[in-house]
PDB file of N, CA and C in Angstrom:
ATOM      1  N   MET A   1     -15.774  12.843 -23.584  1.00  0.00           N
ATOM      2  CA  MET A   1     -15.286  11.555 -22.604  1.00  0.00           C
ATOM      3  C   MET A   1     -15.517  12.161 -21.111  1.00  0.00           C
ATOM      4  N   LEU A   2     -15.083  11.655 -20.405  1.00  0.00           N
ATOM      5  CA  LEU A   2     -15.046  11.736 -18.953  1.00  0.00           C
ATOM      6  C   LEU A   2     -14.368  12.916 -18.657  1.00  0.00           C
ATOM      7  N   LEU A   3     -15.259  13.843 -18.089  1.00  0.00           N
ATOM      8  CA  LEU A   3     -14.683  14.938 -17.163  1.00  0.00           C
ATOM      9  C   LEU A   3     -13.739  15.741 -18.159  1.00  0.00           C
ATOM     10  N   ASN A   4     -14.300  16.203 -19.111  1.00  0.00           N
ATOM     11  CA  ASN A   4     -13.388  17.100 -20.159  1.00  0.00           C
ATOM     12  C   ASN A   4     -13.905  18.618 -19.599  1.00  0.00           C
ATOM     13  N   ALA A   5     -15.334  18.778 -18.803  1.00  0.00           N
ATOM     14  CA  ALA A   5     -15.642  19.950 -18.997  1.00  0.00           C
ATOM     15  C   ALA A   5     -14.690  20.598 -17.580  1.00  0.00           C
ATOM     16  N   ARG A   6     -14.663  21.951 -17.829  1.00  0.00           N
ATOM     17  CA  ARG A   6     -14.054  22.847 -16.651  1.00  0.00           C
ATOM     18  C   ARG A   6     -15.069  22.437 -15.476  1.00  0.00           C
ATOM     19  N   HIS A   7     -14.319  22.233 -14.106  1.00  0.00           N
ATOM     20  CA  HIS A   7     -15.009  22.164 -12.798  1.00  0.00           C
ATOM     21  C   HIS A   7     -13.940  22.948 -11.683  1.00  0.00           C
ATOM     22  N   ARG A   8     -14.866  23.596 -10.893  1.00  0.00           N
ATOM     23  CA  ARG A   8     -14.102  24.451 -10.054  1.00  0.00           C
ATOM     24  C   ARG A   8     -13.980  23.249  -8.629  1.00  0.00           C
ATOM     25  N   PHE A   9     -12.627  23.203  -8.235  1.00  0.00           N
ATOM     26  CA  PHE A   9     -12.220  22.158  -7.264  1.00  0.00           C
ATOM     27  C   PHE A   9     -12.685  23.125  -5.791  1.00  0.00           C
ATOM     28  N   ARG A  10     -13.179  22.753  -5.004  1.00  0.00           N
ATOM     29  CA  ARG A  10     -13.317  23.207  -3.529  1.00  0.00           C
ATOM     30  C   ARG A  10     -12.396  22.442  -2.303  1.00  0.00           C
ATOM     31  N   ASN A  11     -11.229  23.010  -2.196  1.00  0.00           N
ATOM     32  CA  ASN A  11     -11.003  22.113  -1.169  1.00  0.00           C
ATOM     33  C   ASN A  11     -11.592  21.917   0.108  1.00  0.00           C
ATOM     34  N   ALA A  12     -12.600  23.043   0.510  1.00  0.00           N
ATOM     35  CA  ALA A  12     -13.495  22.483   1.560  1.00  0.00           C
ATOM     36  C   ALA A  12     -14.087  21.242   1.307  1.00  0.00           C
ATOM     37  N   ALA A  13     -14.164  20.360   0.393  1.00  0.00           N
ATOM     38  CA  ALA A  13     -14.698  19.263   0.360  1.00  0.00           C
ATOM     39  C   ALA A  13     -13.572  18.004   0.935  1.00  0.00           C
ATOM     40  N   LEU A  14     -12.422  18.464   0.918  1.00  0.00           N
ATOM     41  CA  LEU A  14     -11.271  17.544   1.813  1.00  0.00           C
ATOM     42  C   LEU A  14     -11.415  16.643   2.824  1.00  0.00           C
ATOM     43  N   PRO A  15     -11.917  17.587   3.812  1.00  0.00           N
ATOM     44  CA  PRO A  15     -12.071  16.669   5.002  1.00  0.00           C
ATOM     45  C   PRO A  15     -13.248  15.647   5.135  1.00  0.00           C
ATOM     46  N   THR A  16     -14.170  16.053   4.315  1.00  0.00           N
ATOM     47  CA  THR A  16     -15.285  14.955   4.823  1.00  0.00           C
ATOM     48  C   THR A  16     -15.015  13.527   3.466  1.00  0.00           C
ATOM     49  N   LEU A  17     -13.925  13.773   2.987  1.00  0.00           N
ATOM     50  CA  LEU A  17     -13.937  12.267   2.259  1.00  0.00           C
ATOM     51  C   LEU A  17     -12.220  11.326   2.750  1.00  0.00           C
ATOM     52  N   ASN A  18     -11.858  12.012   3.967  1.00  0.00           N
ATOM     53  CA  ASN A  18     -10.786  11.344   4.623  1.00  0.00           C
ATOM     54  C   ASN A  18     -11.159   9.936   4.825  1.00  0.00           C
ATOM     55  N   ARG A  19     -12.351   9.418   5.277  1.00  0.00           N
ATOM     56  CA  ARG A  19     -12.618   8.234   5.305  1.00  0.00           C
ATOM     57  C   ARG A  19     -12.610   7.448   4.204  1.00  0.00           C
ATOM     58  N   TYR A  20     -12.750   8.060   3.051  1.00  0.00           N
ATOM     59  CA  TYR A  20     -12.758   7.298   1.576  1.00  0.00           C
ATOM     60  C   TYR A  20     -11.275   7.047   0.988  1.00  0.00           C
ATOM     61  N   CYS A  21     -10.346   7.410   1.907  1.00  0.00           N
ATOM     62  CA  CYS A  21      -8.914   7.488   1.165  1.00  0.00           C
ATOM     63  C   CYS A  21      -8.218   6.822   1.729  1.00  0.00           C
ATOM     64  N   PRO A  22      -7.996   5.207   0.966  1.00  0.00           N
ATOM     65  CA  PRO A  22      -7.118   4.205   1.580  1.00  0.00           C
ATOM     66  C   PRO A  22      -5.801   4.354   1.120  1.00  0.00           C
ATOM     67  N   ASP A  23      -4.795   3.915   2.051  1.00  0.00           N
ATOM     68  CA  ASP A  23      -3.529   4.215   1.797  1.00  0.00           C
ATOM     69  C   ASP A  23      -2.684   3.265   0.529  1.00  0.00           C
ATOM     70  N   ASP A  24      -3.488   2.286   0.608  1.00  0.00           N
ATOM     71  CA  ASP A  24      -2.957   1.225  -0.565  1.00  0.00           C
ATOM     72  C   ASP A  24      -3.355   1.887  -1.890  1.00  0.00           C
ATOM     73  N   ARG A  25      -2.211   1.701  -3.000  1.00  0.00           N
ATOM     74  CA  ARG A  25      -2.853   2.391  -4.119  1.00  0.00           C
ATOM     75  C   ARG A  25      -3.750   1.357  -4.897  1.00  0.00           C
ATOM     76  N   VAL A  26      -3.809   0.179  -4.980  1.00  0.00           N
ATOM     77  CA  VAL A  26      -4.980  -0.395  -5.550  1.00  0.00           C
ATOM     78  C   VAL A  26      -6.231  -0.352  -5.028  1.00  0.00           C
ATOM     79  N   ASP A  27      -6.279  -0.274  -3.735  1.00  0.00           N
ATOM     80  CA  ASP A  27      -7.402   0.305  -2.860  1.00  0.00           C
ATOM     81  C   ASP A  27      -7.872   1.777  -3.461  1.00  0.00           C
ATOM     82  N   ALA A  28      -6.752   2.841  -3.679  1.00  0.00           N
ATOM     83  CA  ALA A  28      -7.242   4.073  -4.142  1.00  0.00           C
ATOM     84  C   ALA A  28      -7.707   4.216  -5.468  1.00  0.00           C
ATOM     85  N   ALA A  29      -7.102   3.240  -6.131  1.00  0.00           N
ATOM     86  CA  ALA A  29      -7.543   3.165  -7.676  1.00  0.00           C
ATOM     87  C   ALA A  29      -8.882   2.738  -7.816  1.00  0.00           C
ATOM     88  N   VAL A  30      -9.399   1.786  -6.809  1.00  0.00           N
ATOM     89  CA  VAL A  30     -10.730   1.120  -7.157  1.00  0.00           C
ATOM     90  C   VAL A  30     -11.792   2.167  -6.313  1.00  0.00           C
ATOM     91  N   ALA A  31     -11.325   2.782  -5.273  1.00  0.00           N
ATOM     92  CA  ALA A  31     -12.168   4.030  -4.448  1.00  0.00           C
ATOM     93  C   ALA A  31     -12.543   5.008  -5.713  1.00  0.00           C
ATOM     94  N   ILE A  32     -11.528   5.194  -6.706  1.00  0.00           N
ATOM     95  CA  ILE A  32     -11.538   6.569  -7.465  1.00  0.00           C
ATOM     96  C   ILE A  32     -12.390   5.930  -8.652  1.00  0.00           C
ATOM     97  N   PHE A  33     -12.104   4.513  -9.188  1.00  0.00           N
ATOM     98  CA  PHE A  33     -13.121   4.029 -10.024  1.00  0.00           C
ATOM     99  C   PHE A  33     -14.586   4.065  -9.513  1.00  0.00           C
ATOM    100  N   LYS A  34     -15.138   3.456  -8.385  1.00  0.00           N
ATOM    101  CA  LYS A  34     -16.244   3.573  -7.989  1.00  0.00           C
ATOM    102  C   LYS A  34     -16.914   5.070  -8.055  1.00  0.00           C
ATOM    103  N   ALA A  35     -15.857   6.047  -7.587  1.00  0.00           N
ATOM    104  CA  ALA A  35     -16.581   7.252  -7.792  1.00  0.00           C
ATOM    105  C   ALA A  35     -16.873   8.018  -9.318  1.00  0.00           C
ATOM    106  N   ALA A  36     -15.872   7.341 -10.117  1.00  0.00           N
ATOM    107  CA  ALA A  36     -15.881   7.877 -11.486  1.00  0.00           C
ATOM    108  C   ALA A  36     -17.334   7.081 -12.054  1.00  0.00           C
ATOM    109  N   VAL A  37     -17.737   5.874 -11.832  1.00  0.00           N
ATOM    110  CA  VAL A  37     -18.617   4.972 -12.574  1.00  0.00           C
ATOM    111  C   VAL A  37     -19.806   5.953 -12.436  1.00  0.00           C
ATOM    112  N   ARG A  38     -20.024   6.346 -11.135  1.00  0.00           N
ATOM    113  CA  ARG A  38     -21.344   7.469 -11.224  1.00  0.00           C
ATOM    114  C   ARG A  38     -21.463   8.337 -12.000  1.00  0.00           C
ATOM    115  N   ILE A  39     -20.384   9.241 -12.671  1.00  0.00           N
ATOM    116  CA  ILE A  39     -20.012   9.856 -13.677  1.00  0.00           C
ATOM    117  C   ILE A  39     -20.236   9.579 -15.016  1.00  0.00           C
ATOM    118  N   GLU A  40     -19.281   8.296 -15.402  1.00  0.00           N
ATOM    119  CA  GLU A  40     -19.281   7.907 -16.510  1.00  0.00           C
ATOM    120  C   GLU A  40     -19.189   6.446 -16.272  1.00  0.00           C
ATOM    121  N   PRO A  41     -20.379   6.021 -17.190  1.00  0.00           N
ATOM    122  CA  PRO A  41     -20.431   4.304 -17.019  1.00  0.00           C
ATOM    123  C   PRO A  41     -19.639   3.312 -17.915  1.00  0.00           C
ATOM    124  N   ARG A  42     -19.275   4.081 -18.927  1.00  0.00           N
ATOM    125  CA  ARG A  42     -18.194   2.886 -19.692  1.00  0.00           C
ATOM    126  C   ARG A  42     -16.735   2.727 -18.738  1.00  0.00           C
ATOM    127  N   LEU A  43     -16.245   1.719 -18.662  1.00  0.00           N
ATOM    128  CA  LEU A  43     -14.943   1.352 -17.895  1.00  0.00           C
ATOM    129  C   LEU A  43     -14.202   1.705 -18.808  1.00  0.00           C
ATOM    130  N   SER A  44     -14.369   1.509 -19.690  1.00  0.00           N
ATOM    131  CA  SER A  44     -12.908   1.832 -20.927  1.00  0.00           C
ATOM    132  C   SER A  44     -12.826   3.344 -20.972  1.00  0.00           C
ATOM    133  N   ASP A  45     -13.793   4.134 -20.889  1.00  0.00           N
ATOM    134  CA  ASP A  45     -13.449   5.435 -20.970  1.00  0.00           C
ATOM    135  C   ASP A  45     -12.843   5.871 -19.599  1.00  0.00           C
ATOM    136  N   ILE A  46     -13.404   5.438 -18.215  1.00  0.00           N
ATOM    137  CA  ILE A  46     -12.518   5.595 -17.129  1.00  0.00           C
ATOM    138  C   ILE A  46     -11.507   5.320 -16.936  1.00  0.00           C
ATOM    139  N   VAL A  47     -10.874   3.993 -17.378  1.00  0.00           N
ATOM    140  CA  VAL A  47      -9.463   3.377 -17.454  1.00  0.00           C
ATOM    141  C   VAL A  47      -8.428   4.399 -18.358  1.00  0.00           C
ATOM    142  N   ALA A  48      -9.241   5.049 -19.578  1.00  0.00           N
ATOM    143  CA  ALA A  48      -8.265   5.955 -20.104  1.00  0.00           C
ATOM    144  C   ALA A  48      -8.258   7.166 -19.661  1.00  0.00           C
ATOM    145  N   TRP A  49      -9.285   7.866 -18.837  1.00  0.00           N
ATOM    146  CA  TRP A  49      -9.194   9.133 -18.395  1.00  0.00           C
ATOM    147  C   TRP A  49      -8.197   9.039 -17.176  1.00  0.00           C
ATOM    148  N   TYR A  50      -8.309   8.027 -16.173  1.00  0.00           N
ATOM    149  CA  TYR A  50      -7.478   7.699 -15.083  1.00  0.00           C
ATOM    150  C   TYR A  50      -6.024   7.526 -15.319  1.00  0.00           C
ATOM    151  N   ARG A  51      -5.669   6.983 -16.405  1.00  0.00           N
ATOM    152  CA  ARG A  51      -4.240   6.821 -17.277  1.00  0.00           C
ATOM    153  C   ARG A  51      -3.872   8.012 -17.931  1.00  0.00           C
ATOM    154  N   ASP A  52      -4.487   8.841 -18.524  1.00  0.00           N
ATOM    155  CA  ASP A  52      -4.183   9.454 -19.686  1.00  0.00           C
ATOM    156  C   ASP A  52      -4.656  11.040 -19.621  1.00  0.00           C
ATOM    157  N   THR A  53      -5.717  11.276 -18.849  1.00  0.00           N
ATOM    158  CA  THR A  53      -6.218  12.916 -18.886  1.00  0.00           C
ATOM    159  C   THR A  53      -5.909  13.590 -17.810  1.00  0.00           C
ATOM    160  N   PRO A  54      -4.699  14.488 -18.141  1.00  0.00           N
ATOM    161  CA  PRO A  54      -4.405  15.353 -16.647  1.00  0.00           C
ATOM    162  C   PRO A  54      -5.644  16.249 -16.373  1.00  0.00           C
ATOM    163  N   ILE A  55      -5.714  16.258 -15.127  1.00  0.00           N
ATOM    164  CA  ILE A  55      -6.868  17.100 -14.359  1.00  0.00           C
ATOM    165  C   ILE A  55      -5.877  18.332 -14.153  1.00  0.00           C
ATOM    166  N   ARG A  56      -6.670  19.445 -14.794  1.00  0.00           N
ATOM    167  CA  ARG A  56      -5.916  20.787 -15.145  1.00  0.00           C
ATOM    168  C   ARG A  56      -6.223  21.429 -13.262  1.00  0.00           C
ATOM    169  N   GLU A  57      -7.242  20.958 -12.635  1.00  0.00           N
ATOM    170  CA  GLU A  57      -7.330  21.739 -11.435  1.00  0.00           C
ATOM    171  C   GLU A  57      -6.651  20.665 -10.370  1.00  0.00           C
ATOM    172  N   LEU A  58      -5.557  19.712 -10.697  1.00  0.00           N
ATOM    173  CA  LEU A  58      -4.796  19.213  -9.529  1.00  0.00           C
ATOM    174  C   LEU A  58      -3.257  19.172 -10.504  1.00  0.00           C
ATOM    175  N   ASP A  59      -3.050  20.067 -10.761  1.00  0.00           N
ATOM    176  CA  ASP A  59      -1.502  20.533 -11.236  1.00  0.00           C
ATOM    177  C   ASP A  59      -1.450  19.752 -12.419  1.00  0.00           C
ATOM    178  N   SER A  60      -2.159  19.464 -13.396  1.00  0.00           N
ATOM    179  CA  SER A  60      -2.634  19.012 -14.767  1.00  0.00           C
ATOM    180  C   SER A  60      -2.011  17.360 -14.543  1.00  0.00           C
ATOM    181  N   ARG A  61      -2.140  16.748 -13.575  1.00  0.00           N
ATOM    182  CA  ARG A  61      -1.422  15.537 -13.728  1.00  0.00           C
ATOM    183  C   ARG A  61      -2.669  14.495 -13.780  1.00  0.00           C
ATOM    184  N   THR A  62      -2.180  13.378 -13.919  1.00  0.00           N
ATOM    185  CA  THR A  62      -3.496  12.312 -14.150  1.00  0.00           C
ATOM    186  C   THR A  62      -3.842  11.654 -12.927  1.00  0.00           C
ATOM    187  N   ALA A  63      -5.006  10.990 -12.959  1.00  0.00           N
ATOM    188  CA  ALA A  63      -5.723  10.276 -11.441  1.00  0.00           C
ATOM    189  C   ALA A  63      -4.649   9.229 -11.252  1.00  0.00           C
ATOM    190  N   GLU A  64      -4.159   8.726 -12.178  1.00  0.00           N
ATOM    191  CA  GLU A  64      -2.991   7.967 -11.650  1.00  0.00           C
ATOM    192  C   GLU A  64      -1.760   8.263 -11.032  1.00  0.00           C
ATOM    193  N   ALA A  65      -1.116   9.252 -11.401  1.00  0.00           N
ATOM    194  CA  ALA A  65       0.210  10.007 -11.147  1.00  0.00           C
ATOM    195  C   ALA A  65      -0.541  10.562  -9.754  1.00  0.00           C
ATOM    196  N   LEU A  66      -1.735  11.063  -9.463  1.00  0.00           N
ATOM    197  CA  LEU A  66      -1.966  11.815  -8.280  1.00  0.00           C
ATOM    198  C   LEU A  66      -2.431  10.596  -7.236  1.00  0.00           C
ATOM    199  N   VAL A  67      -2.296   9.572  -7.450  1.00  0.00           N
ATOM    200  CA  VAL A  67      -2.553   8.175  -6.445  1.00  0.00           C
ATOM    201  C   VAL A  67      -1.356   7.684  -6.192  1.00  0.00           C
ATOM    202  N   ASN A  68      -0.569   7.783  -7.133  1.00  0.00           N
ATOM    203  CA  ASN A  68       0.999   7.277  -6.780  1.00  0.00           C
ATOM    204  C   ASN A  68       1.722   8.434  -5.835  1.00  0.00           C
ATOM    205  N   ALA A  69       1.182   9.710  -5.915  1.00  0.00           N
ATOM    206  CA  ALA A  69       1.838  10.560  -5.458  1.00  0.00           C
ATOM    207  C   ALA A  69       1.173  10.768  -4.041  1.00  0.00           C
ATOM    208  N   GLY A  70       0.333   9.988  -3.669  1.00  0.00           N
ATOM    209  CA  GLY A  70      -0.464  10.177  -2.099  1.00  0.00           C
ATOM    210  C   GLY A  70      -1.834  11.104  -2.378  1.00  0.00           C
ATOM    211  N   ARG A  71      -2.264  11.401  -3.583  1.00  0.00           N
ATOM    212  CA  ARG A  71      -3.067  12.616  -3.203  1.00  0.00           C
ATOM    213  C   ARG A  71      -4.441  12.046  -3.784  1.00  0.00           C
ATOM    214  N   THR A  72      -4.935  10.551  -3.215  1.00  0.00           N
ATOM    215  CA  THR A  72      -5.937  10.036  -3.634  1.00  0.00           C
ATOM    216  C   THR A  72      -7.087  10.938  -3.017  1.00  0.00           C
ATOM    217  N   ILE A  73      -7.283  11.617  -1.967  1.00  0.00           N
ATOM    218  CA  ILE A  73      -8.195  12.622  -1.354  1.00  0.00           C
ATOM    219  C   ILE A  73      -8.781  13.513  -2.287  1.00  0.00           C
ATOM    220  N   GLU A  74      -7.691  14.326  -2.672  1.00  0.00           N
ATOM    221  CA  GLU A  74      -7.980  15.155  -3.711  1.00  0.00           C
ATOM    222  C   GLU A  74      -8.638  14.894  -4.918  1.00  0.00           C
ATOM    223  N   VAL A  75      -8.081  13.534  -5.387  1.00  0.00           N
ATOM    224  CA  VAL A  75      -9.156  13.080  -6.836  1.00  0.00           C
ATOM    225  C   VAL A  75     -10.274  12.757  -6.335  1.00  0.00           C
ATOM    226  N   LEU A  76     -10.811  11.860  -5.443  1.00  0.00           N
ATOM    227  CA  LEU A  76     -12.084  11.699  -4.528  1.00  0.00           C
ATOM    228  C   LEU A  76     -13.111  13.160  -4.418  1.00  0.00           C
ATOM    229  N   ALA A  77     -12.219  13.887  -4.081  1.00  0.00           N
ATOM    230  CA  ALA A  77     -12.590  15.666  -4.058  1.00  0.00           C
ATOM    231  C   ALA A  77     -13.188  16.033  -4.988  1.00  0.00           C
ATOM    232  N   PHE A  78     -12.274  15.876  -6.063  1.00  0.00           N
ATOM    233  CA  PHE A  78     -12.589  16.402  -7.462  1.00  0.00           C
ATOM    234  C   PHE A  78     -13.822  15.681  -8.237  1.00  0.00           C
ATOM    235  N   LEU A  79     -13.733  14.363  -8.199  1.00  0.00           N
ATOM    236  CA  LEU A  79     -14.943  13.609  -8.712  1.00  0.00           C
ATOM    237  C   LEU A  79     -16.525  14.011  -7.853  1.00  0.00           C
ATOM    238  N   ARG A  80     -16.389  13.945  -6.650  1.00  0.00           N
ATOM    239  CA  ARG A  80     -17.282  14.390  -5.793  1.00  0.00           C
ATOM    240  C   ARG A  80     -17.821  15.947  -6.405  1.00  0.00           C
ATOM    241  N   GLU A  81     -16.879  16.704  -6.755  1.00  0.00           N
ATOM    242  CA  GLU A  81     -17.548  18.199  -7.078  1.00  0.00           C
ATOM    243  C   GLU A  81     -18.525  18.257  -8.237  1.00  0.00           C
ATOM    244  N   ILE A  82     -17.735  17.123  -9.020  1.00  0.00           N
ATOM    245  CA  ILE A  82     -18.518  16.825 -10.563  1.00  0.00           C
ATOM    246  C   ILE A  82     -19.707  16.194 -10.486  1.00  0.00           C
ATOM    247  N   GLU A  83     -19.768  15.095  -9.540  1.00  0.00           N
ATOM    248  CA  GLU A  83     -21.200  14.664  -9.297  1.00  0.00           C
ATOM    249  C   GLU A  83     -21.859  15.583  -8.528  1.00  0.00           C
ATOM    250  N   ASP A  84     -21.624  16.226  -7.861  1.00  0.00           N
ATOM    251  CA  ASP A  84     -22.622  17.215  -7.267  1.00  0.00           C
ATOM    252  C   ASP A  84     -23.135  18.240  -8.160  1.00  0.00           C
ATOM    253  N   GLU A  85     -22.299  18.815  -9.054  1.00  0.00           N
ATOM    254  CA  GLU A  85     -22.818  19.472 -10.318  1.00  0.00           C
ATOM    255  C   GLU A  85     -23.596  19.117 -11.158  1.00  0.00           C
ATOM    256  N   ARG A  86     -23.343  17.607 -11.489  1.00  0.00           N
ATOM    257  CA  ARG A  86     -24.075  17.055 -12.247  1.00  0.00           C
ATOM    258  C   ARG A  86     -25.479  17.012 -11.803  1.00  0.00           C
ATOM    259  N   ARG A  87     -25.876  16.395 -10.760  1.00  0.00           N
ATOM    260  CA  ARG A  87     -27.300  16.244 -10.000  1.00  0.00           C
ATOM    261  C   ARG A  87     -27.956  17.666  -9.824  1.00  0.00           C
ATOM    262  N   ASP A  88     -27.422  18.980  -9.951  1.00  0.00           N
ATOM    263  CA  ASP A  88     -27.992  20.076  -9.581  1.00  0.00           C
ATOM    264  C   ASP A  88     -28.789  20.342 -11.058  1.00  0.00           C
TER     265      ASP A  88
END
């Protein structure tokens, strides 16, 4: 399932993602889904991950909870970190 492996989260990635972080929660969720689909192609797995899977590196909160808390940039940075590691 999406994002089960341990990944190191780098705060250094945050400034480069500011332009990708919309204020609106729906737009934020769409941005996260677009980033996640580059890692996991199955939409059903992305939805399950977004709603139900705690992200240990981000206070063990789900992506949905993080978006609701205004922490979209951190979720996008987390996904970018995973995507970068997959390419190496």
